[in-house]
PDB file of N, CA and C in Angstrom:
ATOM      1  N   MET A   1     -19.369  39.467  60.965  1.00  0.00           N
ATOM      2  CA  MET A   1     -18.328  39.232  61.927  1.00  0.00           C
ATOM      3  C   MET A   1     -17.740  37.831  61.777  1.00  0.00           C
ATOM      4  N   ALA A   2     -18.586  36.880  61.444  1.00  0.00           N
ATOM      5  CA  ALA A   2     -18.110  35.504  61.275  1.00  0.00           C
ATOM      6  C   ALA A   2     -17.151  35.396  60.092  1.00  0.00           C
ATOM      7  N   ARG A   3     -17.399  36.165  59.062  1.00  0.00           N
ATOM      8  CA  ARG A   3     -16.497  36.137  57.903  1.00  0.00           C
ATOM      9  C   ARG A   3     -15.124  36.682  58.275  1.00  0.00           C
ATOM     10  N   TRP A   4     -15.086  37.755  59.061  1.00  0.00           N
ATOM     11  CA  TRP A   4     -13.802  38.291  59.499  1.00  0.00           C
ATOM     12  C   TRP A   4     -13.086  37.308  60.408  1.00  0.00           C
ATOM     13  N   ALA A   5     -13.817  36.660  61.282  1.00  0.00           N
ATOM     14  CA  ALA A   5     -13.202  35.670  62.171  1.00  0.00           C
ATOM     15  C   ALA A   5     -12.636  34.504  61.366  1.00  0.00           C
ATOM     16  N   TRP A   6     -13.332  34.110  60.306  1.00  0.00           N
ATOM     17  CA  TRP A   6     -12.822  33.026  59.467  1.00  0.00           C
ATOM     18  C   TRP A   6     -11.557  33.452  58.729  1.00  0.00           C
ATOM     19  N   MET A   7     -11.579  34.651  58.149  1.00  0.00           N
ATOM     20  CA  MET A   7     -10.420  35.118  57.388  1.00  0.00           C
ATOM     21  C   MET A   7      -9.201  35.331  58.287  1.00  0.00           C
ATOM     22  N   LEU A   8      -9.412  35.769  59.494  1.00  0.00           N
ATOM     23  CA  LEU A   8      -8.309  36.069  60.406  1.00  0.00           C
ATOM     24  C   LEU A   8      -8.074  34.974  61.444  1.00  0.00           C
ATOM     25  N   GLY A   9      -8.714  33.816  61.262  1.00  0.00           N
ATOM     26  CA  GLY A   9      -8.623  32.744  62.248  1.00  0.00           C
ATOM     27  C   GLY A   9      -7.205  32.290  62.541  1.00  0.00           C
ATOM     28  N   GLY A  10      -6.409  32.090  61.524  1.00  0.00           N
ATOM     29  CA  GLY A  10      -5.030  31.662  61.729  1.00  0.00           C
ATOM     30  C   GLY A  10      -4.210  32.702  62.458  1.00  0.00           C
ATOM     31  N   LEU A  11      -4.414  33.960  62.103  1.00  0.00           N
ATOM     32  CA  LEU A  11      -3.669  35.036  62.757  1.00  0.00           C
ATOM     33  C   LEU A  11      -4.106  35.211  64.208  1.00  0.00           C
ATOM     34  N   ILE A  12      -5.375  34.944  64.493  1.00  0.00           N
ATOM     35  CA  ILE A  12      -5.856  35.000  65.873  1.00  0.00           C
ATOM     36  C   ILE A  12      -5.205  33.904  66.701  1.00  0.00           C
ATOM     37  N   VAL A  13      -5.114  32.702  66.140  1.00  0.00           N
ATOM     38  CA  VAL A  13      -4.447  31.605  66.855  1.00  0.00           C
ATOM     39  C   VAL A  13      -2.979  31.931  67.079  1.00  0.00           C
ATOM     40  N   TRP A  14      -2.342  32.554  66.120  1.00  0.00           N
ATOM     41  CA  TRP A  14      -0.940  32.952  66.272  1.00  0.00           C
ATOM     42  C   TRP A  14      -0.788  33.952  67.419  1.00  0.00           C
ATOM     43  N   ALA A  15      -1.698  34.919  67.514  1.00  0.00           N
ATOM     44  CA  ALA A  15      -1.648  35.897  68.600  1.00  0.00           C
ATOM     45  C   ALA A  15      -1.871  35.222  69.953  1.00  0.00           C
ATOM     46  N   ILE A  16      -2.797  34.280  70.004  1.00  0.00           N
ATOM     47  CA  ILE A  16      -3.036  33.532  71.240  1.00  0.00           C
ATOM     48  C   ILE A  16      -1.801  32.716  71.606  1.00  0.00           C
ATOM     49  N   HIS A  17      -1.157  32.131  70.603  1.00  0.00           N
ATOM     50  CA  HIS A  17       0.062  31.359  70.852  1.00  0.00           C
ATOM     51  C   HIS A  17       1.157  32.255  71.421  1.00  0.00           C
ATOM     52  N   PHE A  18       1.333  33.407  70.831  1.00  0.00           N
ATOM     53  CA  PHE A  18       2.373  34.326  71.297  1.00  0.00           C
ATOM     54  C   PHE A  18       2.135  34.698  72.760  1.00  0.00           C
ATOM     55  N   LEU A  19       0.899  35.032  73.089  1.00  0.00           N
ATOM     56  CA  LEU A  19       0.560  35.396  74.457  1.00  0.00           C
ATOM     57  C   LEU A  19       0.717  34.202  75.398  1.00  0.00           C
ATOM     58  N   GLY A  20       0.268  33.033  74.970  1.00  0.00           N
ATOM     59  CA  GLY A  20       0.350  31.839  75.813  1.00  0.00           C
ATOM     60  C   GLY A  20       1.773  31.415  76.112  1.00  0.00           C
ATOM     61  N   VAL A  21       2.629  31.432  75.108  1.00  0.00           N
ATOM     62  CA  VAL A  21       4.029  31.052  75.325  1.00  0.00           C
ATOM     63  C   VAL A  21       4.718  32.076  76.220  1.00  0.00           C
ATOM     64  N   TYR A  22       4.378  33.327  76.069  1.00  0.00           N
ATOM     65  CA  TYR A  22       4.947  34.365  76.927  1.00  0.00           C
ATOM     66  C   TYR A  22       4.516  34.148  78.379  1.00  0.00           C
ATOM     67  N   ILE A  23       3.249  33.825  78.594  1.00  0.00           N
ATOM     68  CA  ILE A  23       2.755  33.569  79.946  1.00  0.00           C
ATOM     69  C   ILE A  23       3.417  32.339  80.538  1.00  0.00           C
ATOM     70  N   ILE A  24       3.544  31.274  79.770  1.00  0.00           N
ATOM     71  CA  ILE A  24       4.180  30.054  80.267  1.00  0.00           C
ATOM     72  C   ILE A  24       5.634  30.319  80.649  1.00  0.00           C
ATOM     73  N   ALA A  25       6.360  31.033  79.797  1.00  0.00           N
ATOM     74  CA  ALA A  25       7.760  31.347  80.101  1.00  0.00           C
ATOM     75  C   ALA A  25       7.873  32.257  81.323  1.00  0.00           C
ATOM     76  N   SER A  26       6.965  33.203  81.466  1.00  0.00           N
ATOM     77  CA  SER A  26       7.001  34.102  82.618  1.00  0.00           C
ATOM     78  C   SER A  26       6.700  33.354  83.908  1.00  0.00           C
ATOM     79  N   LEU A  27       5.700  32.485  83.875  1.00  0.00           N
ATOM     80  CA  LEU A  27       5.395  31.674  85.061  1.00  0.00           C
ATOM     81  C   LEU A  27       6.560  30.758  85.409  1.00  0.00           C
ATOM     82  N   GLY A  28       7.158  30.177  84.392  1.00  0.00           N
ATOM     83  CA  GLY A  28       8.306  29.315  84.633  1.00  0.00           C
ATOM     84  C   GLY A  28       9.464  30.069  85.246  1.00  0.00           C
ATOM     85  N   ASP A  29       9.656  31.301  84.841  1.00  0.00           N
ATOM     86  CA  ASP A  29      10.739  32.113  85.382  1.00  0.00           C
ATOM     87  C   ASP A  29      10.468  32.515  86.827  1.00  0.00           C
ATOM     88  N   VAL A  30       9.216  32.756  87.168  1.00  0.00           N
ATOM     89  CA  VAL A  30       8.862  33.137  88.534  1.00  0.00           C
ATOM     90  C   VAL A  30       8.926  31.933  89.469  1.00  0.00           C
ATOM     91  N   VAL A  31       8.419  30.796  89.036  1.00  0.00           N
ATOM     92  CA  VAL A  31       8.344  29.618  89.882  1.00  0.00           C
ATOM     93  C   VAL A  31       9.690  28.915  89.994  1.00  0.00           C
ATOM     94  N   ASP A  32      10.339  28.696  88.870  1.00  0.00           N
ATOM     95  CA  ASP A  32      11.595  27.933  88.882  1.00  0.00           C
ATOM     96  C   ASP A  32      12.597  28.628  87.967  1.00  0.00           C
ATOM     97  N   ARG A  33      12.787  28.074  86.803  1.00  0.00           N
ATOM     98  CA  ARG A  33      13.600  28.666  85.745  1.00  0.00           C
ATOM     99  C   ARG A  33      12.828  28.503  84.453  1.00  0.00           C
ATOM    100  N   ALA A  34      12.926  29.473  83.591  1.00  0.00           N
ATOM    101  CA  ALA A  34      12.171  29.418  82.342  1.00  0.00           C
ATOM    102  C   ALA A  34      12.638  28.286  81.445  1.00  0.00           C
ATOM    103  N   ASP A  35      13.902  27.845  81.593  1.00  0.00           N
ATOM    104  CA  ASP A  35      14.396  26.760  80.748  1.00  0.00           C
ATOM    105  C   ASP A  35      14.340  25.403  81.434  1.00  0.00           C
ATOM    106  N   ALA A  36      13.595  25.295  82.538  1.00  0.00           N
ATOM    107  CA  ALA A  36      13.399  23.994  83.181  1.00  0.00           C
ATOM    108  C   ALA A  36      12.587  23.092  82.258  1.00  0.00           C
ATOM    109  N   LEU A  37      12.844  21.813  82.339  1.00  0.00           N
ATOM    110  CA  LEU A  37      12.238  20.862  81.406  1.00  0.00           C
ATOM    111  C   LEU A  37      10.709  20.887  81.452  1.00  0.00           C
ATOM    112  N   ALA A  38      10.136  20.963  82.636  1.00  0.00           N
ATOM    113  CA  ALA A  38       8.672  20.934  82.746  1.00  0.00           C
ATOM    114  C   ALA A  38       8.043  22.143  82.040  1.00  0.00           C
ATOM    115  N   TRP A  39       8.631  23.314  82.215  1.00  0.00           N
ATOM    116  CA  TRP A  39       8.080  24.503  81.575  1.00  0.00           C
ATOM    117  C   TRP A  39       8.306  24.487  80.075  1.00  0.00           C
ATOM    118  N   ARG A  40       9.445  23.950  79.654  1.00  0.00           N
ATOM    119  CA  ARG A  40       9.692  23.829  78.212  1.00  0.00           C
ATOM    120  C   ARG A  40       8.693  22.877  77.578  1.00  0.00           C
ATOM    121  N   MET A  41       8.389  21.773  78.247  1.00  0.00           N
ATOM    122  CA  MET A  41       7.430  20.814  77.700  1.00  0.00           C
ATOM    123  C   MET A  41       6.016  21.387  77.698  1.00  0.00           C
ATOM    124  N   ALA A  42       5.684  22.198  78.711  1.00  0.00           N
ATOM    125  CA  ALA A  42       4.374  22.857  78.712  1.00  0.00           C
ATOM    126  C   ALA A  42       4.262  23.814  77.526  1.00  0.00           C
ATOM    127  N   GLY A  43       5.320  24.577  77.283  1.00  0.00           N
ATOM    128  CA  GLY A  43       5.320  25.482  76.132  1.00  0.00           C
ATOM    129  C   GLY A  43       5.266  24.739  74.812  1.00  0.00           C
ATOM    130  N   LEU A  44       5.963  23.614  74.752  1.00  0.00           N
ATOM    131  CA  LEU A  44       5.958  22.821  73.527  1.00  0.00           C
ATOM    132  C   LEU A  44       4.595  22.174  73.287  1.00  0.00           C
ATOM    133  N   ALA A  45       3.954  21.715  74.352  1.00  0.00           N
ATOM    134  CA  ALA A  45       2.614  21.134  74.218  1.00  0.00           C
ATOM    135  C   ALA A  45       1.613  22.194  73.746  1.00  0.00           C
ATOM    136  N   PHE A  46       1.716  23.387  74.309  1.00  0.00           N
ATOM    137  CA  PHE A  46       0.835  24.478  73.889  1.00  0.00           C
ATOM    138  C   PHE A  46       1.082  24.840  72.424  1.00  0.00           C
ATOM    139  N   SER A  47       2.344  24.869  72.038  1.00  0.00           N
ATOM    140  CA  SER A  47       2.677  25.154  70.634  1.00  0.00           C
ATOM    141  C   SER A  47       2.140  24.068  69.713  1.00  0.00           C
ATOM    142  N   GLY A  48       2.233  22.812  70.139  1.00  0.00           N
ATOM    143  CA  GLY A  48       1.693  21.713  69.347  1.00  0.00           C
ATOM    144  C   GLY A  48       0.192  21.818  69.169  1.00  0.00           C
ATOM    145  N   LEU A  49      -0.498  22.215  70.229  1.00  0.00           N
ATOM    146  CA  LEU A  49      -1.944  22.408  70.140  1.00  0.00           C
ATOM    147  C   LEU A  49      -2.281  23.521  69.154  1.00  0.00           C
ATOM    148  N   CYS A  50      -1.546  24.618  69.223  1.00  0.00           N
ATOM    149  CA  CYS A  50      -1.792  25.738  68.302  1.00  0.00           C
ATOM    150  C   CYS A  50      -1.474  25.356  66.855  1.00  0.00           C
ATOM    151  N   VAL A  51      -0.414  24.578  66.655  1.00  0.00           N
ATOM    152  CA  VAL A  51      -0.079  24.114  65.299  1.00  0.00           C
ATOM    153  C   VAL A  51      -1.198  23.234  64.760  1.00  0.00           C
ATOM    154  N   ALA A  52      -1.750  22.374  65.608  1.00  0.00           N
ATOM    155  CA  ALA A  52      -2.845  21.500  65.163  1.00  0.00           C
ATOM    156  C   ALA A  52      -4.073  22.322  64.770  1.00  0.00           C
ATOM    157  N   VAL A  53      -4.413  23.329  65.551  1.00  0.00           N
ATOM    158  CA  VAL A  53      -5.575  24.167  65.235  1.00  0.00           C
ATOM    159  C   VAL A  53      -5.359  24.917  63.925  1.00  0.00           C
ATOM    160  N   VAL A  54      -4.176  25.473  63.737  1.00  0.00           N
ATOM    161  CA  VAL A  54      -3.895  26.223  62.509  1.00  0.00           C
ATOM    162  C   VAL A  54      -3.851  25.278  61.303  1.00  0.00           C
ATOM    163  N   ALA A  55      -3.327  24.078  61.482  1.00  0.00           N
ATOM    164  CA  ALA A  55      -3.307  23.115  60.376  1.00  0.00           C
ATOM    165  C   ALA A  55      -4.731  22.729  59.962  1.00  0.00           C
ATOM    166  N   ILE A  56      -5.606  22.593  60.934  1.00  0.00           N
ATOM    167  CA  ILE A  56      -7.013  22.299  60.618  1.00  0.00           C
ATOM    168  C   ILE A  56      -7.643  23.466  59.865  1.00  0.00           C
ATOM    169  N   LEU A  57      -7.378  24.688  60.321  1.00  0.00           N
ATOM    170  CA  LEU A  57      -7.898  25.863  59.611  1.00  0.00           C
ATOM    171  C   LEU A  57      -7.368  25.931  58.182  1.00  0.00           C
ATOM    172  N   LEU A  58      -6.097  25.629  58.001  1.00  0.00           N
ATOM    173  CA  LEU A  58      -5.514  25.633  56.655  1.00  0.00           C
ATOM    174  C   LEU A  58      -6.163  24.572  55.782  1.00  0.00           C
ATOM    175  N   PHE A  59      -6.336  23.374  56.316  1.00  0.00           N
ATOM    176  CA  PHE A  59      -6.963  22.296  55.567  1.00  0.00           C
ATOM    177  C   PHE A  59      -8.392  22.661  55.172  1.00  0.00           C
ATOM    178  N   LEU A  60      -9.159  23.202  56.120  1.00  0.00           N
ATOM    179  CA  LEU A  60     -10.546  23.568  55.824  1.00  0.00           C
ATOM    180  C   LEU A  60     -10.639  24.691  54.797  1.00  0.00           C
ATOM    181  N   SER A  61      -9.751  25.669  54.908  1.00  0.00           N
ATOM    182  CA  SER A  61      -9.809  26.775  53.949  1.00  0.00           C
ATOM    183  C   SER A  61      -9.420  26.311  52.543  1.00  0.00           C
ATOM    184  N   LEU A  62      -8.444  25.418  52.448  1.00  0.00           N
ATOM    185  CA  LEU A  62      -8.079  24.898  51.125  1.00  0.00           C
ATOM    186  C   LEU A  62      -9.183  24.018  50.552  1.00  0.00           C
ATOM    187  N   ARG A  63      -9.844  23.249  51.412  1.00  0.00           N
ATOM    188  CA  ARG A  63     -10.942  22.416  50.935  1.00  0.00           C
ATOM    189  C   ARG A  63     -12.114  23.272  50.477  1.00  0.00           C
ATOM    190  N   ARG A  64     -12.416  24.317  51.237  1.00  0.00           N
ATOM    191  CA  ARG A  64     -13.505  25.211  50.850  1.00  0.00           C
ATOM    192  C   ARG A  64     -13.155  25.997  49.595  1.00  0.00           C
ATOM    193  N   LEU A  65     -11.869  26.250  49.374  1.00  0.00           N
ATOM    194  CA  LEU A  65     -11.439  26.973  48.181  1.00  0.00           C
ATOM    195  C   LEU A  65     -11.685  26.141  46.926  1.00  0.00           C
ATOM    196  N   ARG A  66     -11.520  24.823  47.058  1.00  0.00           N
ATOM    197  CA  ARG A  66     -11.763  23.949  45.901  1.00  0.00           C
ATOM    198  C   ARG A  66     -13.245  23.829  45.586  1.00  0.00           C
ATOM    199  N   GLN A  67     -14.087  23.983  46.597  1.00  0.00           N
ATOM    200  CA  GLN A  67     -15.519  23.958  46.352  1.00  0.00           C
ATOM    201  C   GLN A  67     -15.947  25.327  45.860  1.00  0.00           C
ATOM    202  N   GLY A  68     -16.875  25.375  45.001  1.00  0.00           N
ATOM    203  CA  GLY A  68     -17.329  26.658  44.472  1.00  0.00           C
ATOM    204  C   GLY A  68     -18.544  27.159  45.225  1.00  0.00           C
ATOM    205  N   GLU A  69     -18.637  28.458  45.369  1.00  0.00           N
ATOM    206  CA  GLU A  69     -19.809  29.091  45.968  1.00  0.00           C
ATOM    207  C   GLU A  69     -20.291  30.187  45.033  1.00  0.00           C
ATOM    208  N   ASP A  70     -21.563  30.500  45.145  1.00  0.00           N
ATOM    209  CA  ASP A  70     -22.133  31.547  44.308  1.00  0.00           C
ATOM    210  C   ASP A  70     -22.029  32.916  44.959  1.00  0.00           C
ATOM    211  N   GLU A  71     -21.632  32.945  46.191  1.00  0.00           N
ATOM    212  CA  GLU A  71     -21.546  34.199  46.940  1.00  0.00           C
ATOM    213  C   GLU A  71     -20.392  35.054  46.412  1.00  0.00           C
ATOM    214  N   PRO A  72     -20.591  36.365  46.331  1.00  0.00           N
ATOM    215  CA  PRO A  72     -19.491  37.216  45.848  1.00  0.00           C
ATOM    216  C   PRO A  72     -18.338  37.243  46.842  1.00  0.00           C
ATOM    217  N   ASN A  73     -17.159  37.326  46.308  1.00  0.00           N
ATOM    218  CA  ASN A  73     -15.913  37.421  47.077  1.00  0.00           C
ATOM    219  C   ASN A  73     -15.587  36.181  47.902  1.00  0.00           C
ATOM    220  N   TRP A  74     -16.220  35.066  47.660  1.00  0.00           N
ATOM    221  CA  TRP A  74     -15.921  33.874  48.447  1.00  0.00           C
ATOM    222  C   TRP A  74     -14.498  33.412  48.213  1.00  0.00           C
ATOM    223  N   ARG A  75     -14.001  33.520  46.984  1.00  0.00           N
ATOM    224  CA  ARG A  75     -12.643  33.079  46.675  1.00  0.00           C
ATOM    225  C   ARG A  75     -11.601  33.913  47.425  1.00  0.00           C
ATOM    226  N   PHE A  76     -11.819  35.219  47.487  1.00  0.00           N
ATOM    227  CA  PHE A  76     -10.900  36.089  48.219  1.00  0.00           C
ATOM    228  C   PHE A  76     -10.874  35.718  49.702  1.00  0.00           C
ATOM    229  N   ARG A  77     -12.044  35.472  50.286  1.00  0.00           N
ATOM    230  CA  ARG A  77     -12.110  35.105  51.707  1.00  0.00           C
ATOM    231  C   ARG A  77     -11.352  33.824  51.983  1.00  0.00           C
ATOM    232  N   GLU A  78     -11.521  32.832  51.142  1.00  0.00           N
ATOM    233  CA  GLU A  78     -10.859  31.555  51.359  1.00  0.00           C
ATOM    234  C   GLU A  78      -9.349  31.659  51.123  1.00  0.00           C
ATOM    235  N   GLN A  79      -8.947  32.445  50.137  1.00  0.00           N
ATOM    236  CA  GLN A  79      -7.518  32.641  49.905  1.00  0.00           C
ATOM    237  C   GLN A  79      -6.874  33.375  51.073  1.00  0.00           C
ATOM    238  N   LEU A  80      -7.557  34.371  51.595  1.00  0.00           N
ATOM    239  CA  LEU A  80      -7.027  35.108  52.741  1.00  0.00           C
ATOM    240  C   LEU A  80      -6.961  34.225  53.984  1.00  0.00           C
ATOM    241  N   ALA A  81      -7.961  33.380  54.181  1.00  0.00           N
ATOM    242  CA  ALA A  81      -7.945  32.456  55.313  1.00  0.00           C
ATOM    243  C   ALA A  81      -6.801  31.456  55.179  1.00  0.00           C
ATOM    244  N   ALA A  82      -6.585  30.949  53.975  1.00  0.00           N
ATOM    245  CA  ALA A  82      -5.498  29.995  53.763  1.00  0.00           C
ATOM    246  C   ALA A  82      -4.139  30.663  53.937  1.00  0.00           C
ATOM    247  N   LEU A  83      -3.978  31.866  53.420  1.00  0.00           N
ATOM    248  CA  LEU A  83      -2.713  32.582  53.570  1.00  0.00           C
ATOM    249  C   LEU A  83      -2.420  32.881  55.042  1.00  0.00           C
ATOM    250  N   GLY A  84      -3.416  33.360  55.766  1.00  0.00           N
ATOM    251  CA  GLY A  84      -3.237  33.644  57.183  1.00  0.00           C
ATOM    252  C   GLY A  84      -2.910  32.395  57.977  1.00  0.00           C
ATOM    253  N   ALA A  85      -3.558  31.279  57.660  1.00  0.00           N
ATOM    254  CA  ALA A  85      -3.275  30.028  58.362  1.00  0.00           C
ATOM    255  C   ALA A  85      -1.866  29.530  58.050  1.00  0.00           C
ATOM    256  N   PHE A  86      -1.442  29.666  56.798  1.00  0.00           N
ATOM    257  CA  PHE A  86      -0.101  29.215  56.440  1.00  0.00           C
ATOM    258  C   PHE A  86       0.976  30.061  57.112  1.00  0.00           C
ATOM    259  N   VAL A  87       0.814  31.366  57.071  1.00  0.00           N
ATOM    260  CA  VAL A  87       1.778  32.256  57.725  1.00  0.00           C
ATOM    261  C   VAL A  87       1.815  31.974  59.224  1.00  0.00           C
ATOM    262  N   SER A  88       0.669  31.749  59.814  1.00  0.00           N
ATOM    263  CA  SER A  88       0.605  31.442  61.243  1.00  0.00           C
ATOM    264  C   SER A  88       1.264  30.111  61.560  1.00  0.00           C
ATOM    265  N   LEU A  89       1.082  29.131  60.702  1.00  0.00           N
ATOM    266  CA  LEU A  89       1.702  27.823  60.911  1.00  0.00           C
ATOM    267  C   LEU A  89       3.225  27.946  60.921  1.00  0.00           C
ATOM    268  N   VAL A  90       3.757  28.646  59.936  1.00  0.00           N
ATOM    269  CA  VAL A  90       5.208  28.841  59.872  1.00  0.00           C
ATOM    270  C   VAL A  90       5.687  29.647  61.084  1.00  0.00           C
ATOM    271  N   SER A  91       4.949  30.656  61.462  1.00  0.00           N
ATOM    272  CA  SER A  91       5.353  31.515  62.578  1.00  0.00           C
ATOM    273  C   SER A  91       5.321  30.788  63.910  1.00  0.00           C
ATOM    274  N   ILE A  92       4.324  29.973  64.138  1.00  0.00           N
ATOM    275  CA  ILE A  92       4.234  29.230  65.395  1.00  0.00           C
ATOM    276  C   ILE A  92       5.369  28.224  65.494  1.00  0.00           C
ATOM    277  N   VAL A  93       5.666  27.543  64.403  1.00  0.00           N
ATOM    278  CA  VAL A  93       6.794  26.604  64.405  1.00  0.00           C
ATOM    279  C   VAL A  93       8.092  27.364  64.662  1.00  0.00           C
ATOM    280  N   TRP A  94       8.257  28.519  64.059  1.00  0.00           N
ATOM    281  CA  TRP A  94       9.464  29.324  64.252  1.00  0.00           C
ATOM    282  C   TRP A  94       9.590  29.777  65.707  1.00  0.00           C
ATOM    283  N   GLN A  95       8.476  30.176  66.305  1.00  0.00           N
ATOM    284  CA  GLN A  95       8.513  30.604  67.699  1.00  0.00           C
ATOM    285  C   GLN A  95       8.749  29.444  68.651  1.00  0.00           C
ATOM    286  N   ALA A  96       8.395  28.233  68.255  1.00  0.00           N
ATOM    287  CA  ALA A  96       8.575  27.066  69.131  1.00  0.00           C
ATOM    288  C   ALA A  96       9.987  26.500  69.053  1.00  0.00           C
ATOM    289  N   LEU A  97      10.742  26.864  68.044  1.00  0.00           N
ATOM    290  CA  LEU A  97      12.094  26.317  67.913  1.00  0.00           C
ATOM    291  C   LEU A  97      13.009  26.590  69.114  1.00  0.00           C
ATOM    292  N   PRO A  98      13.020  27.771  69.702  1.00  0.00           N
ATOM    293  CA  PRO A  98      13.853  27.958  70.893  1.00  0.00           C
ATOM    294  C   PRO A  98      13.458  27.045  72.050  1.00  0.00           C
ATOM    295  N   THR A  99      12.167  26.718  72.155  1.00  0.00           N
ATOM    296  CA  THR A  99      11.736  25.787  73.181  1.00  0.00           C
ATOM    297  C   THR A  99      12.286  24.402  72.933  1.00  0.00           C
ATOM    298  N   VAL A 100      12.357  24.013  71.682  1.00  0.00           N
ATOM    299  CA  VAL A 100      12.869  22.695  71.325  1.00  0.00           C
ATOM    300  C   VAL A 100      14.371  22.609  71.613  1.00  0.00           C
ATOM    301  N   ILE A 101      15.118  23.666  71.276  1.00  0.00           N
ATOM    302  CA  ILE A 101      16.569  23.600  71.451  1.00  0.00           C
ATOM    303  C   ILE A 101      17.016  24.055  72.841  1.00  0.00           C
ATOM    304  N   GLY A 102      16.108  24.621  73.640  1.00  0.00           N
ATOM    305  CA  GLY A 102      16.408  24.908  75.036  1.00  0.00           C
ATOM    306  C   GLY A 102      16.889  26.302  75.341  1.00  0.00           C
ATOM    307  N   TYR A 103      16.574  27.278  74.522  1.00  0.00           N
ATOM    308  CA  TYR A 103      16.991  28.647  74.805  1.00  0.00           C
ATOM    309  C   TYR A 103      15.801  29.503  75.164  1.00  0.00           C
TER     310      TYR A 103
END
């Protein structure tokens, strides 16, 4: 199970980000307006936290990829973890852009 969590770690953070930004925007819409500055900054802070976590996962997976292991399929696991973290990094930044520009 730990191997699957490692390989899918970036994608899990992306899913958490998607849910978190949706919740923040929904709360902002109920309480005030979804495009109010405070709610936009809360969403941006959450996105920044998720970007930092995914960047750490990407860095660790690339570092582990350079190190060799004797275990079978270790290279595939690290490549999949790095790919998932990279795709998640790009996706989280893409999802945060409307928050930055105010839409």
